């Protein structure tokens, strides 16, 4: 049971990191686009 709980925890963290990275990339791309548009 502890192993299953640990696995779930690790998977949850990985999912959170993946979502965070995706959002960061989207934000970065939007920021870059805005910058280019302004210039």
Protein backbone atom coordinates (compact mmCIF):
# COMPACT_ATOMS: atom_id res chain seq x y z
CA UNK A 1 0.00 0.00 0.00
CA UNK A 2 2.86 2.37 0.79
CA UNK A 3 4.39 1.65 -2.62
CA UNK A 4 1.12 2.39 -4.39
CA UNK A 5 0.77 5.61 -2.41
CA UNK A 6 4.34 6.60 -3.28
CA UNK A 7 3.81 5.81 -6.95
CA UNK A 8 0.66 7.91 -6.99
CA UNK A 9 2.50 10.77 -5.30
CA UNK A 10 5.36 10.66 -7.80
CA UNK A 11 2.93 10.50 -10.73
CA UNK A 12 0.97 13.43 -9.34
CA UNK A 13 4.17 15.49 -8.97
CA UNK A 14 5.25 14.61 -12.51
CA UNK A 15 1.84 15.62 -13.85
CA UNK A 16 1.99 18.92 -11.96
CA UNK A 17 5.49 19.62 -13.30
CA UNK A 18 4.37 18.77 -16.85
CA UNK A 19 1.35 21.09 -16.60
CA UNK A 20 3.50 23.83 -15.06
CA UNK A 21 6.06 23.52 -17.87
CA UNK A 22 3.33 23.67 -20.51
CA UNK A 23 1.85 26.81 -18.95
CA UNK A 24 5.31 28.36 -18.65
CA UNK A 25 6.04 27.64 -22.33
CA UNK A 26 2.69 29.13 -23.37
CA UNK A 27 3.32 32.22 -21.26
CA UNK A 28 6.86 32.56 -22.64
CA UNK A 29 5.65 32.22 -26.25
CA UNK A 30 2.92 34.82 -25.66
CA UNK A 31 5.41 37.17 -24.01
CA UNK A 32 7.82 36.76 -26.93
CA UNK A 33 5.03 37.36 -29.45
CA UNK A 34 3.95 40.51 -27.60
CA UNK A 35 7.53 41.71 -27.50
CA UNK A 36 8.03 41.17 -31.23
CA UNK A 37 4.69 42.85 -31.93
CA UNK A 38 5.67 45.87 -29.83
CA UNK A 39 9.05 46.15 -31.56
